[in-house]
Amino acid sequence: MSRARGTGESLKNFPLFTLISVIVLAFLYIPLVFVVGYSFNANRVVTVWKGFSLEWYADVLTNDDIQRALMNSLRVAVVATILSVLFATGLAIGLLRMVRAGRTFAWSLIMAPLIIPEIVFAIGTLALFVQIRAPLGVEAITLAHTAFCIPFALLPIRARLRSVDLSIYEAAADLGANEWTIFRRITLPLLMPGIVAGALLAFIISLDDFLVSYFLAGPGGTTLPVYIFGMIRNAITPGVNALSTLLLLVSVIIVTGSYLITRRKRY
């Protein structure tokens, strides 16, 4: 390994790397180009281009059912983001103070939602709510989203905390600062970029989720991804593309913001 590191080999030098990269990127992004492009189609048949039109965006923005689904998604995402960030911040600080063996075990448990297939998580959560006779709907979706958003919020917060020089806390304690003062005036400001990045990731994960929301959506609990799925089952029109494009645009903006915030260095 040291020999390869010393020669400065790059992945670009491996055979077919460029070709494979182009194929993968094309497979990922060409469908999105079609989704965005056909959202401006004047024809009701989405695959037959008739002309440029913004009528589908106007229809999406004035549709009462879509607005209700959007409000449900925003309510769930905002509450789940706040709760998951609070839990993630406490967990990040708690893990830092744990012994190594216990920290590894706790980290594995917390990160489990990233490993468990989402369909398994959705079915298990539904079975739990049915077993305890809890009503399905917005509240149930919010609790489930909070649970699986915690790892996404925790990753940037923990990364930020690990980059902090621990001698700062020792110096503050030597100067007479108590635990609350250290947290309020040192830990929280230093963690803020990670907290904001984690909140943005948790928000977009919750906003885009379909499987868990689909299984737990009760009467009046339809979220935007679930509503889009219902539109596809009835008929695929450019309205589906327009709504998907708007959701895609919001996702790109939030993920980009999270990435830029994570890159910022504040010491």
C-alpha atoms as a PDB file:
ATOM      1  CA  MET A   1       0.000   0.000   0.000  1.00  0.00           C
ATOM      2  CA  SER A   2       2.877   2.364   0.786  1.00  0.00           C
ATOM      3  CA  ARG A   3       4.329   1.714  -2.641  1.00  0.00           C
ATOM      4  CA  ALA A   4       1.090   2.670  -4.368  1.00  0.00           C
ATOM      5  CA  ARG A   5       0.826   5.756  -2.194  1.00  0.00           C
ATOM      6  CA  GLY A   6       4.356   6.799  -3.011  1.00  0.00           C
ATOM      7  CA  THR A   7       3.884   6.535  -6.771  1.00  0.00           C
ATOM      8  CA  GLY A   8       0.903   8.892  -6.557  1.00  0.00           C
ATOM      9  CA  GLU A   9      -1.420   6.561  -8.470  1.00  0.00           C
ATOM     10  CA  SER A  10      -4.879   7.909  -9.176  1.00  0.00           C
ATOM     11  CA  LEU A  11      -8.139   6.137  -9.947  1.00  0.00           C
ATOM     12  CA  LYS A  12      -8.093   7.927 -13.290  1.00  0.00           C
ATOM     13  CA  ASN A  13      -5.147   5.760 -14.337  1.00  0.00           C
ATOM     14  CA  PHE A  14      -7.092   2.516 -14.004  1.00  0.00           C
ATOM     15  CA  PRO A  15      -8.377   0.964 -17.251  1.00  0.00           C
ATOM     16  CA  LEU A  16     -11.943   1.902 -18.242  1.00  0.00           C
ATOM     17  CA  PHE A  17     -12.312   4.279 -15.279  1.00  0.00           C
ATOM     18  CA  THR A  18     -13.479   7.163 -17.473  1.00  0.00           C
ATOM     19  CA  LEU A  19     -15.882   5.000 -19.472  1.00  0.00           C
ATOM     20  CA  ILE A  20     -17.428   3.455 -16.353  1.00  0.00           C
ATOM     21  CA  SER A  21     -17.753   6.879 -14.719  1.00  0.00           C
ATOM     22  CA  VAL A  22     -19.545   8.305 -17.758  1.00  0.00           C
ATOM     23  CA  ILE A  23     -21.935   5.335 -17.896  1.00  0.00           C
ATOM     24  CA  VAL A  24     -22.775   5.585 -14.192  1.00  0.00           C
ATOM     25  CA  LEU A  25     -23.323   9.349 -14.318  1.00  0.00           C
ATOM     26  CA  ALA A  26     -25.446   9.039 -17.442  1.00  0.00           C
ATOM     27  CA  PHE A  27     -27.560   6.324 -15.822  1.00  0.00           C
ATOM     28  CA  LEU A  28     -28.107   8.557 -12.776  1.00  0.00           C
ATOM     29  CA  TYR A  29     -28.757  11.916 -14.405  1.00  0.00           C
ATOM     30  CA  ILE A  30     -30.303  11.340 -17.858  1.00  0.00           C
ATOM     31  CA  PRO A  31     -33.663  10.280 -16.332  1.00  0.00           C
ATOM     32  CA  LEU A  32     -33.670  13.516 -14.321  1.00  0.00           C
ATOM     33  CA  VAL A  33     -33.143  15.490 -17.512  1.00  0.00           C
ATOM     34  CA  PHE A  34     -36.247  13.851 -19.001  1.00  0.00           C
ATOM     35  CA  VAL A  35     -38.259  14.523 -15.841  1.00  0.00           C
ATOM     36  CA  VAL A  36     -37.368  18.217 -15.891  1.00  0.00           C
ATOM     37  CA  GLY A  37     -37.686  18.610 -19.667  1.00  0.00           C
ATOM     38  CA  TYR A  38     -41.122  17.016 -19.994  1.00  0.00           C
ATOM     39  CA  SER A  39     -42.460  19.083 -17.080  1.00  0.00           C
ATOM     40  CA  PHE A  40     -42.695  21.931 -19.635  1.00  0.00           C
ATOM     41  CA  ASN A  41     -44.642  19.826 -22.153  1.00  0.00           C
ATOM     42  CA  ALA A  42     -47.931  21.362 -23.288  1.00  0.00           C
ATOM     43  CA  ASN A  43     -49.324  17.935 -24.176  1.00  0.00           C
ATOM     44  CA  ARG A  44     -51.214  15.962 -21.522  1.00  0.00           C
ATOM     45  CA  VAL A  45     -49.470  12.809 -22.750  1.00  0.00           C
ATOM     46  CA  VAL A  46     -46.121  13.184 -21.051  1.00  0.00           C
ATOM     47  CA  THR A  47     -44.013  11.282 -23.605  1.00  0.00           C
ATOM     48  CA  VAL A  48     -45.312  13.157 -26.667  1.00  0.00           C
ATOM     49  CA  TRP A  49     -43.820  16.636 -26.979  1.00  0.00           C
ATOM     50  CA  LYS A  50     -46.326  19.225 -28.187  1.00  0.00           C
ATOM     51  CA  GLY A  51     -44.756  22.508 -27.168  1.00  0.00           C
ATOM     52  CA  PHE A  52     -43.409  24.568 -24.298  1.00  0.00           C
ATOM     53  CA  SER A  53     -45.816  25.451 -21.504  1.00  0.00           C
ATOM     54  CA  LEU A  54     -45.840  26.437 -17.827  1.00  0.00           C
ATOM     55  CA  GLU A  55     -49.451  25.421 -17.255  1.00  0.00           C
ATOM     56  CA  TRP A  56     -48.499  22.320 -15.277  1.00  0.00           C
ATOM     57  CA  TYR A  57     -46.505  24.388 -12.792  1.00  0.00           C
ATOM     58  CA  ALA A  58     -49.450  26.737 -12.414  1.00  0.00           C
ATOM     59  CA  ASP A  59     -51.726  23.734 -11.835  1.00  0.00           C
ATOM     60  CA  VAL A  60     -49.367  22.274  -9.228  1.00  0.00           C
ATOM     61  CA  LEU A  61     -49.044  25.553  -7.339  1.00  0.00           C
ATOM     62  CA  THR A  62     -52.838  26.102  -7.207  1.00  0.00           C
ATOM     63  CA  ASN A  63     -53.909  22.509  -6.458  1.00  0.00           C
ATOM     64  CA  ASP A  64     -55.487  22.273  -2.978  1.00  0.00           C
ATOM     65  CA  ASP A  65     -54.680  18.572  -2.554  1.00  0.00           C
ATOM     66  CA  ILE A  66     -51.022  19.155  -3.388  1.00  0.00           C
ATOM     67  CA  GLN A  67     -50.868  22.068  -0.954  1.00  0.00           C
ATOM     68  CA  ARG A  68     -52.305  19.901   1.833  1.00  0.00           C
ATOM     69  CA  ALA A  69     -49.808  17.142   1.099  1.00  0.00           C
ATOM     70  CA  LEU A  70     -46.980  19.700   1.036  1.00  0.00           C
ATOM     71  CA  MET A  71     -48.041  21.146   4.385  1.00  0.00           C
ATOM     72  CA  ASN A  72     -48.086  17.633   5.876  1.00  0.00           C
ATOM     73  CA  SER A  73     -44.585  16.999   4.536  1.00  0.00           C
ATOM     74  CA  LEU A  74     -43.298  20.302   5.895  1.00  0.00           C
ATOM     75  CA  ARG A  75     -44.867  19.739   9.313  1.00  0.00           C
ATOM     76  CA  VAL A  76     -43.336  16.287   9.568  1.00  0.00           C
ATOM     77  CA  ALA A  77     -39.934  17.401   8.249  1.00  0.00           C
ATOM     78  CA  VAL A  78     -39.648  20.454  10.522  1.00  0.00           C
ATOM     79  CA  VAL A  79     -40.608  18.611  13.720  1.00  0.00           C
ATOM     80  CA  ALA A  80     -38.528  15.530  12.842  1.00  0.00           C
ATOM     81  CA  THR A  81     -35.539  17.743  12.056  1.00  0.00           C
ATOM     82  CA  ILE A  82     -35.721  19.626  15.344  1.00  0.00           C
ATOM     83  CA  LEU A  83     -36.095  16.459  17.416  1.00  0.00           C
ATOM     84  CA  SER A  84     -33.441  14.484  15.543  1.00  0.00           C
ATOM     85  CA  VAL A  85     -30.914  17.331  15.797  1.00  0.00           C
ATOM     86  CA  LEU A  86     -31.511  17.645  19.548  1.00  0.00           C
ATOM     87  CA  PHE A  87     -31.016  13.906  20.017  1.00  0.00           C
ATOM     88  CA  ALA A  88     -28.021  13.838  17.665  1.00  0.00           C
ATOM     89  CA  THR A  89     -26.278  16.708  19.468  1.00  0.00           C
ATOM     90  CA  GLY A  90     -26.703  15.016  22.830  1.00  0.00           C
ATOM     91  CA  LEU A  91     -25.547  11.696  21.429  1.00  0.00           C
ATOM     92  CA  ALA A  92     -22.457  13.235  19.810  1.00  0.00           C
ATOM     93  CA  ILE A  93     -21.375  14.772  23.120  1.00  0.00           C
ATOM     94  CA  GLY A  94     -22.259  11.632  25.055  1.00  0.00           C
ATOM     95  CA  LEU A  95     -20.333   9.351  22.698  1.00  0.00           C
ATOM     96  CA  LEU A  96     -17.259  11.529  23.073  1.00  0.00           C
ATOM     97  CA  ARG A  97     -17.245  10.890  26.815  1.00  0.00           C
ATOM     98  CA  MET A  98     -17.903   7.144  26.679  1.00  0.00           C
ATOM     99  CA  VAL A  99     -15.222   4.491  27.013  1.00  0.00           C
ATOM    100  CA  ARG A 100     -14.017   3.024  23.732  1.00  0.00           C
ATOM    101  CA  ALA A 101     -15.803  -0.340  23.944  1.00  0.00           C
ATOM    102  CA  GLY A 102     -19.152   1.154  24.911  1.00  0.00           C
ATOM    103  CA  ARG A 103     -18.771   3.902  22.312  1.00  0.00           C
ATOM    104  CA  THR A 104     -18.340   1.380  19.489  1.00  0.00           C
ATOM    105  CA  PHE A 105     -21.415  -0.593  20.567  1.00  0.00           C
ATOM    106  CA  ALA A 106     -23.546   2.528  20.974  1.00  0.00           C
ATOM    107  CA  TRP A 107     -22.394   3.893  17.612  1.00  0.00           C
ATOM    108  CA  SER A 108     -23.387   0.622  15.916  1.00  0.00           C
ATOM    109  CA  LEU A 109     -26.880   0.779  17.408  1.00  0.00           C
ATOM    110  CA  ILE A 110     -27.392   4.427  16.486  1.00  0.00           C
ATOM    111  CA  MET A 111     -26.221   3.888  12.906  1.00  0.00           C
ATOM    112  CA  ALA A 112     -28.477   0.842  12.418  1.00  0.00           C
ATOM    113  CA  PRO A 113     -31.114   2.776  10.391  1.00  0.00           C
ATOM    114  CA  LEU A 114     -28.441   3.437   7.746  1.00  0.00           C
ATOM    115  CA  ILE A 115     -27.876  -0.310   7.339  1.00  0.00           C
ATOM    116  CA  ILE A 116     -31.369  -1.749   7.771  1.00  0.00           C
ATOM    117  CA  PRO A 117     -33.383  -1.724   4.511  1.00  0.00           C
ATOM    118  CA  GLU A 118     -35.997   1.014   4.674  1.00  0.00           C
ATOM    119  CA  ILE A 119     -38.791  -1.389   3.740  1.00  0.00           C
ATOM    120  CA  VAL A 120     -37.916  -3.499   6.799  1.00  0.00           C
ATOM    121  CA  PHE A 121     -37.881  -0.392   8.993  1.00  0.00           C
ATOM    122  CA  ALA A 122     -41.251   0.713   7.581  1.00  0.00           C
ATOM    123  CA  ILE A 123     -42.902  -2.675   8.133  1.00  0.00           C
ATOM    124  CA  GLY A 124     -41.464  -2.978  11.628  1.00  0.00           C
ATOM    125  CA  THR A 125     -42.622   0.511  12.575  1.00  0.00           C
ATOM    126  CA  LEU A 126     -46.102  -0.177  11.226  1.00  0.00           C
ATOM    127  CA  ALA A 127     -46.265  -3.425  13.210  1.00  0.00           C
ATOM    128  CA  LEU A 128     -45.210  -1.568  16.360  1.00  0.00           C
ATOM    129  CA  PHE A 129     -47.891   1.109  15.980  1.00  0.00           C
ATOM    130  CA  VAL A 130     -50.546  -1.528  15.281  1.00  0.00           C
ATOM    131  CA  GLN A 131     -49.429  -3.549  18.306  1.00  0.00           C
ATOM    132  CA  ILE A 132     -49.652  -0.600  20.693  1.00  0.00           C
ATOM    133  CA  ARG A 133     -52.864   0.586  18.994  1.00  0.00           C
ATOM    134  CA  ALA A 134     -51.377   3.983  18.137  1.00  0.00           C
ATOM    135  CA  PRO A 135     -53.233   5.946  15.443  1.00  0.00           C
ATOM    136  CA  LEU A 136     -51.570   6.312  12.073  1.00  0.00           C
ATOM    137  CA  GLY A 137     -51.128   9.685  10.423  1.00  0.00           C
ATOM    138  CA  VAL A 138     -48.916  12.741  10.643  1.00  0.00           C
ATOM    139  CA  GLU A 139     -47.900  12.114  14.269  1.00  0.00           C
ATOM    140  CA  ALA A 140     -46.873   8.518  13.579  1.00  0.00           C
ATOM    141  CA  ILE A 141     -44.883   9.561  10.507  1.00  0.00           C
ATOM    142  CA  THR A 142     -43.158  12.281  12.531  1.00  0.00           C
ATOM    143  CA  LEU A 143     -42.017   9.831  15.218  1.00  0.00           C
ATOM    144  CA  ALA A 144     -40.718   7.376  12.628  1.00  0.00           C
ATOM    145  CA  HIS A 145     -38.916  10.105  10.676  1.00  0.00           C
ATOM    146  CA  THR A 146     -37.298  11.359  13.861  1.00  0.00           C
ATOM    147  CA  ALA A 147     -35.904   7.893  14.542  1.00  0.00           C
ATOM    148  CA  PHE A 148     -34.293   7.335  11.141  1.00  0.00           C
ATOM    149  CA  CYS A 149     -33.152  10.966  10.729  1.00  0.00           C
ATOM    150  CA  ILE A 150     -30.993  10.856  13.866  1.00  0.00           C
ATOM    151  CA  PRO A 151     -28.035   9.080  12.156  1.00  0.00           C
ATOM    152  CA  PHE A 152     -28.075  11.554   9.258  1.00  0.00           C
ATOM    153  CA  ALA A 153     -28.022  14.493  11.673  1.00  0.00           C
ATOM    154  CA  LEU A 154     -25.395  12.829  13.859  1.00  0.00           C
ATOM    155  CA  LEU A 155     -22.776  12.285  11.138  1.00  0.00           C
ATOM    156  CA  PRO A 156     -21.852  15.959  10.457  1.00  0.00           C
ATOM    157  CA  ILE A 157     -22.258  16.914  14.133  1.00  0.00           C
ATOM    158  CA  ARG A 158     -19.903  14.157  15.276  1.00  0.00           C
ATOM    159  CA  ALA A 159     -17.425  14.987  12.510  1.00  0.00           C
ATOM    160  CA  ARG A 160     -17.432  18.613  13.637  1.00  0.00           C
ATOM    161  CA  LEU A 161     -17.005  17.660  17.300  1.00  0.00           C
ATOM    162  CA  ARG A 162     -14.063  15.369  16.548  1.00  0.00           C
ATOM    163  CA  SER A 163     -12.231  18.251  14.861  1.00  0.00           C
ATOM    164  CA  VAL A 164     -12.430  20.416  17.993  1.00  0.00           C
ATOM    165  CA  ASP A 165      -9.339  20.664  20.209  1.00  0.00           C
ATOM    166  CA  LEU A 166     -10.345  19.192  23.588  1.00  0.00           C
ATOM    167  CA  SER A 167      -7.830  21.403  25.370  1.00  0.00           C
ATOM    168  CA  ILE A 168     -10.320  24.262  24.932  1.00  0.00           C
ATOM    169  CA  TYR A 169     -12.672  22.583  27.410  1.00  0.00           C
ATOM    170  CA  GLU A 170      -9.854  21.993  29.879  1.00  0.00           C
ATOM    171  CA  ALA A 171      -8.833  25.633  29.692  1.00  0.00           C
ATOM    172  CA  ALA A 172     -12.432  26.771  30.234  1.00  0.00           C
ATOM    173  CA  ALA A 173     -12.790  24.466  33.247  1.00  0.00           C
ATOM    174  CA  ASP A 174      -9.513  25.772  34.699  1.00  0.00           C
ATOM    175  CA  LEU A 175     -10.890  29.313  34.398  1.00  0.00           C
ATOM    176  CA  GLY A 176     -13.933  28.329  36.470  1.00  0.00           C
ATOM    177  CA  ALA A 177     -16.574  27.696  33.796  1.00  0.00           C
ATOM    178  CA  ASN A 178     -19.200  25.112  34.732  1.00  0.00           C
ATOM    179  CA  GLU A 179     -20.638  22.443  32.399  1.00  0.00           C
ATOM    180  CA  TRP A 180     -23.560  24.592  31.230  1.00  0.00           C
ATOM    181  CA  THR A 181     -21.345  27.602  30.527  1.00  0.00           C
ATOM    182  CA  ILE A 182     -18.876  25.459  28.576  1.00  0.00           C
ATOM    183  CA  PHE A 183     -21.701  23.998  26.493  1.00  0.00           C
ATOM    184  CA  ARG A 184     -23.419  27.345  25.844  1.00  0.00           C
ATOM    185  CA  ARG A 185     -20.373  29.471  25.101  1.00  0.00           C
ATOM    186  CA  ILE A 186     -17.908  26.962  23.626  1.00  0.00           C
ATOM    187  CA  THR A 187     -19.423  23.643  22.532  1.00  0.00           C
ATOM    188  CA  LEU A 188     -22.580  24.963  20.893  1.00  0.00           C
ATOM    189  CA  PRO A 189     -20.908  27.741  18.827  1.00  0.00           C
ATOM    190  CA  LEU A 190     -18.186  25.336  17.659  1.00  0.00           C
ATOM    191  CA  LEU A 191     -20.767  22.692  16.713  1.00  0.00           C
ATOM    192  CA  MET A 192     -23.132  25.111  14.966  1.00  0.00           C
ATOM    193  CA  PRO A 193     -21.852  24.439  11.386  1.00  0.00           C
ATOM    194  CA  GLY A 194     -22.269  20.693  11.980  1.00  0.00           C
ATOM    195  CA  ILE A 195     -25.679  21.194  13.581  1.00  0.00           C
ATOM    196  CA  VAL A 196     -26.917  23.274  10.645  1.00  0.00           C
ATOM    197  CA  ALA A 197     -25.553  20.754   8.138  1.00  0.00           C
ATOM    198  CA  GLY A 198     -27.128  17.870  10.070  1.00  0.00           C
ATOM    199  CA  ALA A 199     -30.446  19.710  10.243  1.00  0.00           C
ATOM    200  CA  LEU A 200     -30.456  20.277   6.481  1.00  0.00           C
ATOM    201  CA  LEU A 201     -29.680  16.617   5.808  1.00  0.00           C
ATOM    202  CA  ALA A 202     -32.366  15.433   8.231  1.00  0.00           C
ATOM    203  CA  PHE A 203     -34.896  17.840   6.712  1.00  0.00           C
ATOM    204  CA  ILE A 204     -34.339  16.687   3.140  1.00  0.00           C
ATOM    205  CA  ILE A 205     -34.302  13.004   4.132  1.00  0.00           C
ATOM    206  CA  SER A 206     -37.649  13.448   5.867  1.00  0.00           C
ATOM    207  CA  LEU A 207     -39.127  15.584   3.092  1.00  0.00           C
ATOM    208  CA  ASP A 208     -38.188  13.052   0.384  1.00  0.00           C
ATOM    209  CA  ASP A 209     -39.148   9.884   2.268  1.00  0.00           C
ATOM    210  CA  PHE A 210     -41.776   7.694   0.655  1.00  0.00           C
ATOM    211  CA  LEU A 211     -41.724   4.171   2.104  1.00  0.00           C
ATOM    212  CA  VAL A 212     -42.165   4.970   5.791  1.00  0.00           C
ATOM    213  CA  SER A 213     -44.683   7.715   5.006  1.00  0.00           C
ATOM    214  CA  TYR A 214     -46.651   5.372   2.729  1.00  0.00           C
ATOM    215  CA  PHE A 215     -46.937   2.676   5.398  1.00  0.00           C
ATOM    216  CA  LEU A 216     -47.843   5.041   8.231  1.00  0.00           C
ATOM    217  CA  ALA A 217     -50.048   7.518   6.378  1.00  0.00           C
ATOM    218  CA  GLY A 218     -53.530   7.406   7.880  1.00  0.00           C
ATOM    219  CA  PRO A 219     -56.545   9.544   7.035  1.00  0.00           C
ATOM    220  CA  GLY A 220     -55.353  13.061   6.276  1.00  0.00           C
ATOM    221  CA  GLY A 221     -51.708  12.035   6.624  1.00  0.00           C
ATOM    222  CA  THR A 222     -50.725  11.983   2.958  1.00  0.00           C
ATOM    223  CA  THR A 223     -47.308  13.528   2.401  1.00  0.00           C
ATOM    224  CA  LEU A 224     -46.008  14.952  -0.867  1.00  0.00           C
ATOM    225  CA  PRO A 225     -44.036  11.850  -2.006  1.00  0.00           C
ATOM    226  CA  VAL A 226     -47.064   9.656  -1.241  1.00  0.00           C
ATOM    227  CA  TYR A 227     -49.282  12.051  -3.212  1.00  0.00           C
ATOM    228  CA  ILE A 228     -46.896  11.908  -6.183  1.00  0.00           C
ATOM    229  CA  PHE A 229     -47.093   8.114  -6.077  1.00  0.00           C
ATOM    230  CA  GLY A 230     -50.873   8.352  -6.161  1.00  0.00           C
ATOM    231  CA  MET A 231     -50.680  10.638  -9.196  1.00  0.00           C
ATOM    232  CA  ILE A 232     -48.509   8.111 -11.027  1.00  0.00           C
ATOM    233  CA  ARG A 233     -50.976   5.294 -10.307  1.00  0.00           C
ATOM    234  CA  ASN A 234     -53.843   7.263 -11.848  1.00  0.00           C
ATOM    235  CA  ALA A 235     -52.132   8.754 -14.918  1.00  0.00           C
ATOM    236  CA  ILE A 236     -48.658  10.004 -15.760  1.00  0.00           C
ATOM    237  CA  THR A 237     -49.040  13.609 -16.881  1.00  0.00           C
ATOM    238  CA  PRO A 238     -46.523  16.475 -17.055  1.00  0.00           C
ATOM    239  CA  GLY A 239     -48.023  17.599 -13.746  1.00  0.00           C
ATOM    240  CA  VAL A 240     -46.171  14.699 -12.085  1.00  0.00           C
ATOM    241  CA  ASN A 241     -42.970  15.889 -13.747  1.00  0.00           C
ATOM    242  CA  ALA A 242     -43.561  19.482 -12.648  1.00  0.00           C
ATOM    243  CA  LEU A 243     -44.140  18.477  -9.029  1.00  0.00           C
ATOM    244  CA  SER A 244     -41.130  16.153  -9.102  1.00  0.00           C
ATOM    245  CA  THR A 245     -38.982  18.921 -10.585  1.00  0.00           C
ATOM    246  CA  LEU A 246     -39.927  21.323  -7.805  1.00  0.00           C
ATOM    247  CA  LEU A 247     -39.141  18.682  -5.188  1.00  0.00           C
ATOM    248  CA  LEU A 248     -35.844  17.941  -6.919  1.00  0.00           C
ATOM    249  CA  LEU A 249     -34.941  21.631  -6.956  1.00  0.00           C
ATOM    250  CA  VAL A 250     -35.581  21.969  -3.219  1.00  0.00           C
ATOM    251  CA  SER A 251     -33.512  18.834  -2.546  1.00  0.00           C
ATOM    252  CA  VAL A 252     -30.561  20.078  -4.595  1.00  0.00           C
ATOM    253  CA  ILE A 253     -30.586  23.474  -2.870  1.00  0.00           C
ATOM    254  CA  ILE A 254     -30.692  21.971   0.615  1.00  0.00           C
ATOM    255  CA  VAL A 255     -28.065  19.286  -0.040  1.00  0.00           C
ATOM    256  CA  THR A 256     -25.752  21.865  -1.622  1.00  0.00           C
ATOM    257  CA  GLY A 257     -26.198  24.146   1.365  1.00  0.00           C
ATOM    258  CA  SER A 258     -25.409  21.279   3.729  1.00  0.00           C
ATOM    259  CA  TYR A 259     -22.259  20.444   1.769  1.00  0.00           C
ATOM    260  CA  LEU A 260     -21.037  24.046   1.755  1.00  0.00           C
ATOM    261  CA  ILE A 261     -21.695  24.465   5.475  1.00  0.00           C
ATOM    262  CA  THR A 262     -19.891  21.214   6.287  1.00  0.00           C
ATOM    263  CA  ARG A 263     -16.807  22.399   4.383  1.00  0.00           C
ATOM    264  CA  ARG A 264     -16.539  25.609   6.352  1.00  0.00           C
ATOM    265  CA  LYS A 265     -13.819  25.623   8.979  1.00  0.00           C
ATOM    266  CA  ARG A 266     -14.480  27.497  12.178  1.00  0.00           C
ATOM    267  CA  TYR A 267     -12.056  27.223  15.038  1.00  0.00           C
END
